[in-house]
Amino acid sequence: MFKPVSVLRNLSSDAELALAKACCAGEREAQFRLFEQYKRTMFGICLRFMDNRLDAEDLLQEGFVNVFKDICKFSGKGSLEGWIRTIFTRAAIDQLKAKNKILKTIELQQDIEPMILDSDLNNPNDAEELIIMLQKLPSGFRTVLNLYVLEDMSHDQIAKELGIAVSTSRSQLTRAKEFLKKMMLKSMLLI
């Protein structure tokens, strides 16, 4: 029998593996527990990659479908959350590629003159405000920024994953940061 969801917040690696095995065996209660355990974190990832809440909700559903389809592949090496996060990141990239949003915006954004600001990228105090700002970024900018900064991928990995040049990944990251700085500066001036 599994512990209530509130107790599952910090699962040990043995508990994570047991939960994954129970999900693999088709135990509905375990699947519900896994969903409840990780839905908020994964929805945050979905919101970061998609440009609106509806697409993020679709990605959340697709991501968990993929998690439960592949849960038997979880070996217990590394954290379950990290494994799930990887599935969601790949699902986001696949969804953006399917909508042709990444490559079109990266190609279009090559001609955008970067706006150079001297200030460092500051985090807004409000996480919701940051999500809203990320969603306003052009898709190519947002995707590279998410993969590099938040998913800790190298430019080589991003280039391979997105089918772009390494130099394009670097320039998209620079432009994304500049675009985000501009939005944050505007936001601060409006307060």
N, C-alpha and C. Protein backbone atom coordinates (compact mmCIF):
# COMPACT_ATOMS: atom_id res chain seq x y z
N MET A 1 0.84 -1.18 0.00
CA MET A 1 0.00 0.00 0.00
C MET A 1 0.89 1.25 0.00
N PHE A 2 0.54 2.24 -0.80
CA PHE A 2 1.33 3.46 -0.90
C PHE A 2 0.90 4.46 0.15
N LYS A 3 1.86 5.30 0.54
CA LYS A 3 1.60 6.35 1.50
C LYS A 3 0.77 7.44 0.84
N PRO A 4 0.06 8.24 1.63
CA PRO A 4 -0.70 9.34 1.05
C PRO A 4 0.23 10.26 0.26
N VAL A 5 -0.33 10.96 -0.72
CA VAL A 5 0.45 11.81 -1.62
C VAL A 5 1.28 12.84 -0.85
N SER A 6 0.73 13.44 0.18
CA SER A 6 1.46 14.47 0.91
C SER A 6 2.75 13.94 1.54
N VAL A 7 2.79 12.66 1.83
CA VAL A 7 3.98 12.05 2.42
C VAL A 7 5.00 11.70 1.33
N LEU A 8 4.57 11.63 0.09
CA LEU A 8 5.42 11.21 -1.02
C LEU A 8 6.33 12.32 -1.55
N ARG A 9 6.33 13.47 -0.97
CA ARG A 9 7.07 14.60 -1.50
C ARG A 9 8.55 14.29 -1.73
N ASN A 10 9.21 13.66 -0.81
CA ASN A 10 10.63 13.35 -0.95
C ASN A 10 10.81 11.84 -0.97
N LEU A 11 10.60 11.26 -2.11
CA LEU A 11 10.71 9.81 -2.23
C LEU A 11 12.17 9.39 -2.26
N SER A 12 12.47 8.29 -1.58
CA SER A 12 13.81 7.71 -1.68
C SER A 12 13.91 7.02 -3.03
N SER A 13 15.11 6.69 -3.43
CA SER A 13 15.28 6.02 -4.73
C SER A 13 14.58 4.66 -4.73
N ASP A 14 14.56 3.97 -3.57
CA ASP A 14 13.85 2.69 -3.47
C ASP A 14 12.35 2.90 -3.62
N ALA A 15 11.83 3.96 -3.00
CA ALA A 15 10.39 4.25 -3.09
C ALA A 15 10.02 4.66 -4.51
N GLU A 16 10.90 5.43 -5.18
CA GLU A 16 10.65 5.82 -6.56
C GLU A 16 10.59 4.58 -7.46
N LEU A 17 11.54 3.68 -7.27
CA LEU A 17 11.57 2.46 -8.09
C LEU A 17 10.33 1.61 -7.81
N ALA A 18 9.94 1.51 -6.56
CA ALA A 18 8.74 0.74 -6.21
C ALA A 18 7.49 1.36 -6.85
N LEU A 19 7.41 2.68 -6.82
CA LEU A 19 6.28 3.37 -7.44
C LEU A 19 6.26 3.12 -8.94
N ALA A 20 7.42 3.23 -9.58
CA ALA A 20 7.52 2.99 -11.01
C ALA A 20 7.13 1.56 -11.37
N LYS A 21 7.58 0.61 -10.57
CA LYS A 21 7.24 -0.80 -10.84
C LYS A 21 5.74 -1.05 -10.67
N ALA A 22 5.15 -0.41 -9.67
CA ALA A 22 3.70 -0.56 -9.47
C ALA A 22 2.94 0.06 -10.64
N CYS A 23 3.43 1.19 -11.14
CA CYS A 23 2.80 1.80 -12.32
C CYS A 23 2.95 0.90 -13.54
N CYS A 24 4.13 0.31 -13.68
CA CYS A 24 4.39 -0.61 -14.78
C CYS A 24 3.44 -1.80 -14.73
N ALA A 25 3.13 -2.26 -13.52
CA ALA A 25 2.22 -3.39 -13.34
C ALA A 25 0.76 -2.99 -13.58
N GLY A 26 0.53 -1.70 -13.85
CA GLY A 26 -0.82 -1.25 -14.15
C GLY A 26 -1.66 -0.92 -12.93
N GLU A 27 -1.03 -0.76 -11.78
CA GLU A 27 -1.78 -0.43 -10.56
C GLU A 27 -2.26 1.01 -10.64
N ARG A 28 -3.56 1.18 -10.73
CA ARG A 28 -4.16 2.51 -10.92
C ARG A 28 -3.83 3.46 -9.77
N GLU A 29 -3.83 2.96 -8.55
CA GLU A 29 -3.53 3.81 -7.40
C GLU A 29 -2.10 4.36 -7.50
N ALA A 30 -1.17 3.53 -7.92
CA ALA A 30 0.21 3.97 -8.09
C ALA A 30 0.32 5.00 -9.21
N GLN A 31 -0.40 4.77 -10.30
CA GLN A 31 -0.39 5.73 -11.41
C GLN A 31 -0.96 7.07 -10.96
N PHE A 32 -2.03 7.03 -10.19
CA PHE A 32 -2.61 8.26 -9.65
C PHE A 32 -1.61 8.97 -8.74
N ARG A 33 -0.93 8.21 -7.90
CA ARG A 33 0.06 8.80 -6.99
C ARG A 33 1.20 9.45 -7.76
N LEU A 34 1.68 8.77 -8.79
CA LEU A 34 2.76 9.33 -9.59
C LEU A 34 2.30 10.63 -10.25
N PHE A 35 1.11 10.62 -10.82
CA PHE A 35 0.57 11.82 -11.45
C PHE A 35 0.46 12.96 -10.43
N GLU A 36 -0.11 12.67 -9.28
CA GLU A 36 -0.27 13.69 -8.23
C GLU A 36 1.07 14.21 -7.74
N GLN A 37 2.04 13.32 -7.66
CA GLN A 37 3.37 13.69 -7.17
C GLN A 37 4.06 14.69 -8.10
N TYR A 38 3.93 14.50 -9.39
CA TYR A 38 4.74 15.25 -10.35
C TYR A 38 3.97 16.22 -11.25
N LYS A 39 2.65 16.28 -11.15
CA LYS A 39 1.88 17.10 -12.09
C LYS A 39 2.21 18.58 -12.01
N ARG A 40 2.42 19.13 -10.83
CA ARG A 40 2.70 20.57 -10.71
C ARG A 40 4.05 20.92 -11.33
N THR A 41 5.05 20.12 -11.02
CA THR A 41 6.38 20.38 -11.56
C THR A 41 6.38 20.25 -13.08
N MET A 42 5.73 19.21 -13.58
CA MET A 42 5.71 19.00 -15.03
C MET A 42 4.87 20.06 -15.74
N PHE A 43 3.81 20.53 -15.08
CA PHE A 43 3.01 21.59 -15.69
C PHE A 43 3.84 22.88 -15.80
N GLY A 44 4.69 23.11 -14.82
CA GLY A 44 5.60 24.26 -14.91
C GLY A 44 6.49 24.17 -16.13
N ILE A 45 7.00 22.97 -16.41
CA ILE A 45 7.82 22.76 -17.61
C ILE A 45 6.98 23.02 -18.86
N CYS A 46 5.77 22.50 -18.86
CA CYS A 46 4.88 22.69 -20.01
C CYS A 46 4.61 24.18 -20.26
N LEU A 47 4.36 24.92 -19.21
CA LEU A 47 4.11 26.36 -19.34
C LEU A 47 5.33 27.09 -19.90
N ARG A 48 6.52 26.66 -19.50
CA ARG A 48 7.74 27.29 -19.99
C ARG A 48 7.95 27.08 -21.48
N PHE A 49 7.59 25.91 -21.99
CA PHE A 49 7.83 25.61 -23.39
C PHE A 49 6.72 26.10 -24.32
N MET A 50 5.49 26.09 -23.86
CA MET A 50 4.37 26.46 -24.71
C MET A 50 4.03 27.94 -24.55
N ASP A 51 3.39 28.51 -25.55
CA ASP A 51 3.11 29.94 -25.47
C ASP A 51 1.72 30.27 -24.93
N ASN A 52 0.98 29.24 -24.52
CA ASN A 52 -0.30 29.50 -23.87
C ASN A 52 -0.69 28.32 -22.98
N ARG A 53 -1.62 28.57 -22.10
CA ARG A 53 -2.03 27.58 -21.11
C ARG A 53 -2.68 26.35 -21.74
N LEU A 54 -3.47 26.56 -22.77
CA LEU A 54 -4.16 25.44 -23.42
C LEU A 54 -3.15 24.45 -24.03
N ASP A 55 -2.16 24.98 -24.73
CA ASP A 55 -1.12 24.10 -25.29
C ASP A 55 -0.32 23.42 -24.18
N ALA A 56 -0.10 24.13 -23.08
CA ALA A 56 0.62 23.54 -21.93
C ALA A 56 -0.19 22.39 -21.33
N GLU A 57 -1.50 22.56 -21.25
CA GLU A 57 -2.36 21.48 -20.73
C GLU A 57 -2.33 20.27 -21.65
N ASP A 58 -2.34 20.52 -22.96
CA ASP A 58 -2.23 19.42 -23.93
C ASP A 58 -0.90 18.68 -23.77
N LEU A 59 0.16 19.46 -23.59
CA LEU A 59 1.49 18.86 -23.40
C LEU A 59 1.55 18.07 -22.10
N LEU A 60 0.92 18.56 -21.05
CA LEU A 60 0.89 17.83 -19.78
C LEU A 60 0.25 16.46 -19.98
N GLN A 61 -0.86 16.43 -20.68
CA GLN A 61 -1.54 15.16 -20.94
C GLN A 61 -0.67 14.25 -21.80
N GLU A 62 -0.12 14.79 -22.88
CA GLU A 62 0.74 13.99 -23.76
C GLU A 62 1.96 13.47 -23.01
N GLY A 63 2.55 14.32 -22.19
CA GLY A 63 3.72 13.92 -21.42
C GLY A 63 3.44 12.75 -20.49
N PHE A 64 2.32 12.82 -19.76
CA PHE A 64 2.01 11.71 -18.86
C PHE A 64 1.61 10.45 -19.61
N VAL A 65 1.00 10.59 -20.77
CA VAL A 65 0.73 9.40 -21.60
C VAL A 65 2.06 8.73 -21.93
N ASN A 66 3.05 9.54 -22.32
CA ASN A 66 4.37 8.99 -22.65
C ASN A 66 5.05 8.38 -21.42
N VAL A 67 4.90 9.02 -20.28
CA VAL A 67 5.49 8.49 -19.04
C VAL A 67 4.92 7.11 -18.74
N PHE A 68 3.60 6.99 -18.78
CA PHE A 68 2.99 5.70 -18.44
C PHE A 68 3.24 4.64 -19.51
N LYS A 69 3.42 5.09 -20.75
CA LYS A 69 3.75 4.15 -21.83
C LYS A 69 5.15 3.57 -21.63
N ASP A 70 6.07 4.41 -21.12
CA ASP A 70 7.48 3.99 -20.99
C ASP A 70 7.92 3.70 -19.56
N ILE A 71 7.01 3.73 -18.60
CA ILE A 71 7.38 3.62 -17.18
C ILE A 71 8.15 2.33 -16.88
N CYS A 72 7.91 1.30 -17.63
CA CYS A 72 8.62 0.04 -17.39
C CYS A 72 10.12 0.15 -17.73
N LYS A 73 10.48 1.19 -18.47
CA LYS A 73 11.88 1.41 -18.84
C LYS A 73 12.68 2.11 -17.75
N PHE A 74 11.99 2.66 -16.74
CA PHE A 74 12.70 3.35 -15.66
C PHE A 74 13.49 2.31 -14.87
N SER A 75 14.80 2.50 -14.81
CA SER A 75 15.68 1.50 -14.19
C SER A 75 16.02 1.81 -12.74
N GLY A 76 15.70 3.01 -12.29
CA GLY A 76 16.07 3.40 -10.94
C GLY A 76 17.41 4.10 -10.88
N LYS A 77 18.09 4.19 -12.03
CA LYS A 77 19.34 4.96 -12.08
C LYS A 77 18.96 6.42 -12.27
N GLY A 78 19.33 7.22 -11.32
CA GLY A 78 18.91 8.62 -11.34
C GLY A 78 17.53 8.74 -10.71
N SER A 79 17.06 9.97 -10.62
CA SER A 79 15.76 10.19 -9.97
C SER A 79 14.62 9.96 -10.95
N LEU A 80 13.50 9.56 -10.39
CA LEU A 80 12.29 9.39 -11.19
C LEU A 80 11.86 10.74 -11.76
N GLU A 81 11.97 11.78 -10.96
CA GLU A 81 11.58 13.11 -11.45
C GLU A 81 12.44 13.53 -12.63
N GLY A 82 13.73 13.28 -12.58
CA GLY A 82 14.62 13.60 -13.69
C GLY A 82 14.26 12.83 -14.95
N TRP A 83 13.91 11.56 -14.77
CA TRP A 83 13.52 10.71 -15.89
C TRP A 83 12.23 11.25 -16.52
N ILE A 84 11.26 11.59 -15.68
CA ILE A 84 9.99 12.14 -16.16
C ILE A 84 10.22 13.48 -16.85
N ARG A 85 11.07 14.31 -16.27
CA ARG A 85 11.39 15.62 -16.83
C ARG A 85 11.96 15.47 -18.25
N THR A 86 12.81 14.49 -18.45
CA THR A 86 13.38 14.25 -19.78
C THR A 86 12.29 13.89 -20.78
N ILE A 87 11.35 13.07 -20.36
CA ILE A 87 10.23 12.69 -21.24
C ILE A 87 9.42 13.93 -21.60
N PHE A 88 9.16 14.79 -20.62
CA PHE A 88 8.38 16.00 -20.90
C PHE A 88 9.14 16.96 -21.81
N THR A 89 10.42 17.09 -21.62
CA THR A 89 11.22 17.98 -22.47
C THR A 89 11.18 17.48 -23.91
N ARG A 90 11.35 16.19 -24.09
CA ARG A 90 11.29 15.62 -25.45
C ARG A 90 9.90 15.78 -26.06
N ALA A 91 8.87 15.60 -25.24
CA ALA A 91 7.49 15.77 -25.73
C ALA A 91 7.26 17.22 -26.17
N ALA A 92 7.81 18.16 -25.41
CA ALA A 92 7.66 19.58 -25.76
C ALA A 92 8.35 19.86 -27.09
N ILE A 93 9.56 19.37 -27.23
CA ILE A 93 10.29 19.58 -28.49
C ILE A 93 9.54 18.94 -29.65
N ASP A 94 9.05 17.73 -29.45
CA ASP A 94 8.30 17.04 -30.51
C ASP A 94 7.05 17.82 -30.89
N GLN A 95 6.35 18.34 -29.88
CA GLN A 95 5.12 19.09 -30.16
C GLN A 95 5.44 20.38 -30.92
N LEU A 96 6.51 21.07 -30.53
CA LEU A 96 6.90 22.29 -31.24
C LEU A 96 7.35 21.98 -32.66
N LYS A 97 8.08 20.89 -32.82
CA LYS A 97 8.51 20.50 -34.17
C LYS A 97 7.30 20.15 -35.03
N ALA A 98 6.34 19.43 -34.45
CA ALA A 98 5.15 19.03 -35.20
C ALA A 98 4.37 20.26 -35.67
N LYS A 99 4.38 21.29 -34.87
CA LYS A 99 3.69 22.52 -35.24
C LYS A 99 4.59 23.43 -36.07
N ASN A 100 5.80 22.97 -36.32
CA ASN A 100 6.79 23.70 -37.11
C ASN A 100 7.11 25.06 -36.50
N LYS A 101 6.93 25.18 -35.20
CA LYS A 101 7.14 26.48 -34.55
C LYS A 101 8.61 26.78 -34.31
N ILE A 102 9.41 25.79 -34.04
CA ILE A 102 10.81 26.06 -33.70
C ILE A 102 11.58 26.54 -34.91
N LEU A 103 11.61 25.74 -35.96
CA LEU A 103 12.46 26.06 -37.09
C LEU A 103 12.02 27.33 -37.80
N LYS A 104 10.72 27.54 -37.94
CA LYS A 104 10.25 28.76 -38.60
C LYS A 104 10.69 29.99 -37.82
N THR A 105 10.52 29.96 -36.52
CA THR A 105 10.86 31.16 -35.75
C THR A 105 12.37 31.34 -35.66
N ILE A 106 13.13 30.27 -35.61
CA ILE A 106 14.59 30.42 -35.58
C ILE A 106 15.06 31.04 -36.89
N GLU A 107 14.52 30.57 -38.02
CA GLU A 107 14.92 31.13 -39.30
C GLU A 107 14.54 32.60 -39.40
N LEU A 108 13.34 32.95 -38.98
CA LEU A 108 12.89 34.34 -39.02
C LEU A 108 13.70 35.23 -38.09
N GLN A 109 14.09 34.69 -36.94
CA GLN A 109 14.76 35.48 -35.93
C GLN A 109 16.23 35.73 -36.25
N GLN A 110 16.76 35.11 -37.26
CA GLN A 110 18.15 35.34 -37.63
C GLN A 110 18.37 36.80 -38.02
N ASP A 111 17.33 37.44 -38.55
CA ASP A 111 17.46 38.81 -39.02
C ASP A 111 17.14 39.86 -37.95
N ILE A 112 16.72 39.45 -36.79
CA ILE A 112 16.37 40.39 -35.73
C ILE A 112 17.65 41.01 -35.17
N GLU A 113 17.68 42.32 -35.12
CA GLU A 113 18.82 43.01 -34.51
C GLU A 113 18.76 42.82 -33.01
N PRO A 114 19.79 42.29 -32.41
CA PRO A 114 19.76 42.11 -30.96
C PRO A 114 19.82 43.46 -30.25
N MET A 115 19.06 43.56 -29.18
CA MET A 115 19.08 44.76 -28.36
C MET A 115 20.02 44.51 -27.20
N ILE A 116 21.06 45.27 -27.10
CA ILE A 116 22.07 45.03 -26.07
C ILE A 116 21.77 45.90 -24.86
N LEU A 117 21.64 45.25 -23.72
CA LEU A 117 21.45 45.94 -22.45
C LEU A 117 22.64 45.62 -21.57
N ASP A 118 23.07 46.59 -20.77
CA ASP A 118 24.22 46.39 -19.90
C ASP A 118 23.88 45.61 -18.64
N SER A 119 22.62 45.61 -18.24
CA SER A 119 22.26 44.95 -16.99
C SER A 119 22.23 43.44 -17.16
N ASP A 120 22.44 42.74 -16.07
CA ASP A 120 22.36 41.28 -16.09
C ASP A 120 20.90 40.86 -16.11
N LEU A 121 20.67 39.62 -16.51
CA LEU A 121 19.32 39.07 -16.50
C LEU A 121 18.90 38.86 -15.05
N ASN A 122 17.92 39.60 -14.61
CA ASN A 122 17.43 39.48 -13.23
C ASN A 122 16.16 38.66 -13.20
N ASN A 123 16.00 37.89 -12.15
CA ASN A 123 14.78 37.11 -12.01
C ASN A 123 13.71 37.97 -11.37
N PRO A 124 12.52 38.02 -11.96
CA PRO A 124 11.45 38.74 -11.30
C PRO A 124 11.04 38.00 -10.03
N ASN A 125 10.54 38.74 -9.06
CA ASN A 125 10.14 38.13 -7.80
C ASN A 125 8.98 37.17 -7.98
N ASP A 126 8.15 37.43 -8.93
CA ASP A 126 6.94 36.65 -9.11
C ASP A 126 7.15 35.58 -10.19
N ALA A 127 7.07 34.32 -9.82
CA ALA A 127 7.28 33.22 -10.76
C ALA A 127 6.26 33.25 -11.89
N GLU A 128 5.03 33.64 -11.57
CA GLU A 128 4.00 33.71 -12.62
C GLU A 128 4.37 34.75 -13.67
N GLU A 129 4.93 35.86 -13.24
CA GLU A 129 5.34 36.91 -14.17
C GLU A 129 6.43 36.38 -15.09
N LEU A 130 7.35 35.61 -14.55
CA LEU A 130 8.42 35.04 -15.37
C LEU A 130 7.85 34.08 -16.41
N ILE A 131 6.90 33.23 -15.99
CA ILE A 131 6.26 32.30 -16.94
C ILE A 131 5.57 33.08 -18.06
N ILE A 132 4.86 34.14 -17.70
CA ILE A 132 4.17 34.95 -18.70
C ILE A 132 5.18 35.55 -19.68
N MET A 133 6.30 36.03 -19.14
CA MET A 133 7.35 36.59 -20.00
C MET A 133 7.94 35.52 -20.91
N LEU A 134 8.19 34.35 -20.36
CA LEU A 134 8.72 33.25 -21.19
C LEU A 134 7.75 32.91 -22.31
N GLN A 135 6.46 32.91 -22.00
CA GLN A 135 5.47 32.57 -23.02
C GLN A 135 5.39 33.63 -24.11
N LYS A 136 5.81 34.85 -23.82
CA LYS A 136 5.80 35.92 -24.81
C LYS A 136 7.02 35.87 -25.73
N LEU A 137 8.03 35.12 -25.33
CA LEU A 137 9.21 34.98 -26.19
C LEU A 137 8.83 34.25 -27.47
N PRO A 138 9.44 34.61 -28.58
CA PRO A 138 9.24 33.81 -29.79
C PRO A 138 9.65 32.36 -29.50
N SER A 139 8.99 31.44 -30.13
CA SER A 139 9.16 30.02 -29.84
C SER A 139 10.61 29.54 -29.91
N GLY A 140 11.34 29.97 -30.92
CA GLY A 140 12.74 29.55 -31.05
C GLY A 140 13.59 30.05 -29.90
N PHE A 141 13.40 31.31 -29.52
CA PHE A 141 14.11 31.86 -28.37
C PHE A 141 13.79 31.07 -27.12
N ARG A 142 12.49 30.88 -26.88
CA ARG A 142 12.02 30.22 -25.66
C ARG A 142 12.54 28.79 -25.56
N THR A 143 12.53 28.08 -26.67
CA THR A 143 12.96 26.69 -26.66
C THR A 143 14.44 26.57 -26.32
N VAL A 144 15.28 27.36 -26.98
CA VAL A 144 16.72 27.30 -26.71
C VAL A 144 17.02 27.75 -25.28
N LEU A 145 16.36 28.82 -24.83
CA LEU A 145 16.56 29.30 -23.46
C LEU A 145 16.19 28.22 -22.45
N ASN A 146 15.04 27.59 -22.63
CA ASN A 146 14.62 26.52 -21.73
C ASN A 146 15.61 25.37 -21.72
N LEU A 147 16.02 24.94 -22.89
CA LEU A 147 16.93 23.78 -22.97
C LEU A 147 18.30 24.09 -22.37
N TYR A 148 18.81 25.28 -22.62
CA TYR A 148 20.14 25.62 -22.14
C TYR A 148 20.15 25.98 -20.65
N VAL A 149 19.29 26.88 -20.27
CA VAL A 149 19.31 27.40 -18.90
C VAL A 149 18.60 26.47 -17.92
N LEU A 150 17.42 26.02 -18.28
CA LEU A 150 16.60 25.29 -17.32
C LEU A 150 16.76 23.77 -17.41
N GLU A 151 17.08 23.26 -18.58
CA GLU A 151 17.27 21.81 -18.73
C GLU A 151 18.75 21.44 -18.77
N ASP A 152 19.63 22.43 -18.69
CA ASP A 152 21.08 22.24 -18.58
C ASP A 152 21.68 21.45 -19.76
N MET A 153 21.17 21.71 -20.95
CA MET A 153 21.71 21.06 -22.14
C MET A 153 22.80 21.96 -22.74
N SER A 154 23.79 21.35 -23.37
CA SER A 154 24.84 22.11 -24.04
C SER A 154 24.33 22.58 -25.41
N HIS A 155 25.05 23.53 -26.00
CA HIS A 155 24.65 23.99 -27.33
C HIS A 155 24.77 22.87 -28.35
N ASP A 156 25.75 21.98 -28.17
CA ASP A 156 25.87 20.82 -29.07
C ASP A 156 24.63 19.94 -28.98
N GLN A 157 24.17 19.68 -27.74
CA GLN A 157 22.98 18.84 -27.55
C GLN A 157 21.74 19.52 -28.13
N ILE A 158 21.61 20.81 -27.90
CA ILE A 158 20.46 21.55 -28.41
C ILE A 158 20.45 21.52 -29.93
N ALA A 159 21.60 21.77 -30.53
CA ALA A 159 21.70 21.76 -31.99
C ALA A 159 21.29 20.41 -32.56
N LYS A 160 21.76 19.36 -31.93
CA LYS A 160 21.41 18.01 -32.40
C LYS A 160 19.92 17.74 -32.22
N GLU A 161 19.39 18.09 -31.08
CA GLU A 161 17.97 17.84 -30.77
C GLU A 161 17.04 18.62 -31.70
N LEU A 162 17.41 19.86 -32.02
CA LEU A 162 16.53 20.71 -32.82
C LEU A 162 16.88 20.70 -34.31
N GLY A 163 18.00 20.10 -34.66
CA GLY A 163 18.40 20.06 -36.06
C GLY A 163 18.85 21.42 -36.57
N ILE A 164 19.58 22.15 -35.72
CA ILE A 164 20.09 23.47 -36.09
C ILE A 164 21.60 23.50 -35.88
N ALA A 165 22.25 24.56 -36.33
CA ALA A 165 23.68 24.71 -36.13
C ALA A 165 23.96 25.12 -34.68
N VAL A 166 25.13 24.76 -34.19
CA VAL A 166 25.53 25.14 -32.83
C VAL A 166 25.56 26.66 -32.71
N SER A 167 26.05 27.34 -33.75
CA SER A 167 26.09 28.81 -33.72
C SER A 167 24.68 29.40 -33.65
N THR A 168 23.72 28.74 -34.25
CA THR A 168 22.33 29.21 -34.19
C THR A 168 21.80 29.07 -32.77
N SER A 169 22.13 27.97 -32.12
CA SER A 169 21.72 27.78 -30.73
C SER A 169 22.30 28.89 -29.85
N ARG A 170 23.57 29.19 -30.05
CA ARG A 170 24.22 30.24 -29.25
C ARG A 170 23.57 31.61 -29.49
N SER A 171 23.33 31.92 -30.76
CA SER A 171 22.75 33.24 -31.06
C SER A 171 21.31 33.33 -30.56
N GLN A 172 20.57 32.23 -30.64
CA GLN A 172 19.20 32.24 -30.14
C GLN A 172 19.17 32.46 -28.63
N LEU A 173 20.11 31.86 -27.92
CA LEU A 173 20.18 32.05 -26.47
C LEU A 173 20.50 33.51 -26.14
N THR A 174 21.47 34.07 -26.83
CA THR A 174 21.83 35.47 -26.60
C THR A 174 20.64 36.38 -26.87
N ARG A 175 19.98 36.16 -27.98
CA ARG A 175 18.83 36.98 -28.34
C ARG A 175 17.66 36.77 -27.38
N ALA A 176 17.48 35.54 -26.92
CA ALA A 176 16.41 35.27 -25.96
C ALA A 176 16.64 36.03 -24.67
N LYS A 177 17.88 36.02 -24.19
CA LYS A 177 18.21 36.76 -22.96
C LYS A 177 17.98 38.25 -23.15
N GLU A 178 18.39 38.76 -24.29
CA GLU A 178 18.20 40.18 -24.56
C GLU A 178 16.72 40.54 -24.65
N PHE A 179 15.96 39.72 -25.31
CA PHE A 179 14.51 39.92 -25.44
C PHE A 179 13.85 39.89 -24.06
N LEU A 180 14.26 38.92 -23.24
CA LEU A 180 13.72 38.79 -21.90
C LEU A 180 14.10 40.00 -21.04
N LYS A 181 15.33 40.45 -21.15
CA LYS A 181 15.77 41.64 -20.42
C LYS A 181 14.90 42.84 -20.78
N LYS A 182 14.63 42.98 -22.08
CA LYS A 182 13.81 44.09 -22.55
C LYS A 182 12.42 44.03 -21.92
N MET A 183 11.82 42.86 -21.91
CA MET A 183 10.49 42.70 -21.30
C MET A 183 10.52 43.00 -19.81
N MET A 184 11.57 42.51 -19.14
CA MET A 184 11.68 42.73 -17.70
C MET A 184 11.88 44.21 -17.39
N LEU A 185 12.67 44.88 -18.21
CA LEU A 185 12.90 46.31 -18.02
C LEU A 185 11.59 47.08 -18.21
N LYS A 186 10.86 46.73 -19.25
CA LYS A 186 9.55 47.35 -19.48
C LYS A 186 8.63 47.13 -18.29
N SER A 187 8.61 45.90 -17.81
CA SER A 187 7.76 45.55 -16.67
C SER A 187 8.12 46.38 -15.44
N MET A 188 9.42 46.55 -15.21
CA MET A 188 9.86 47.31 -14.04
C MET A 188 9.50 48.79 -14.20
N LEU A 189 9.53 49.31 -15.41
CA LEU A 189 9.20 50.71 -15.65
C LEU A 189 7.71 50.97 -15.49
N LEU A 190 6.90 49.94 -15.72
CA LEU A 190 5.45 50.09 -15.59
C LEU A 190 4.97 50.01 -14.16
N ILE A 191 5.82 49.54 -13.27
CA ILE A 191 5.41 49.38 -11.86
C ILE A 191 5.42 50.69 -11.14
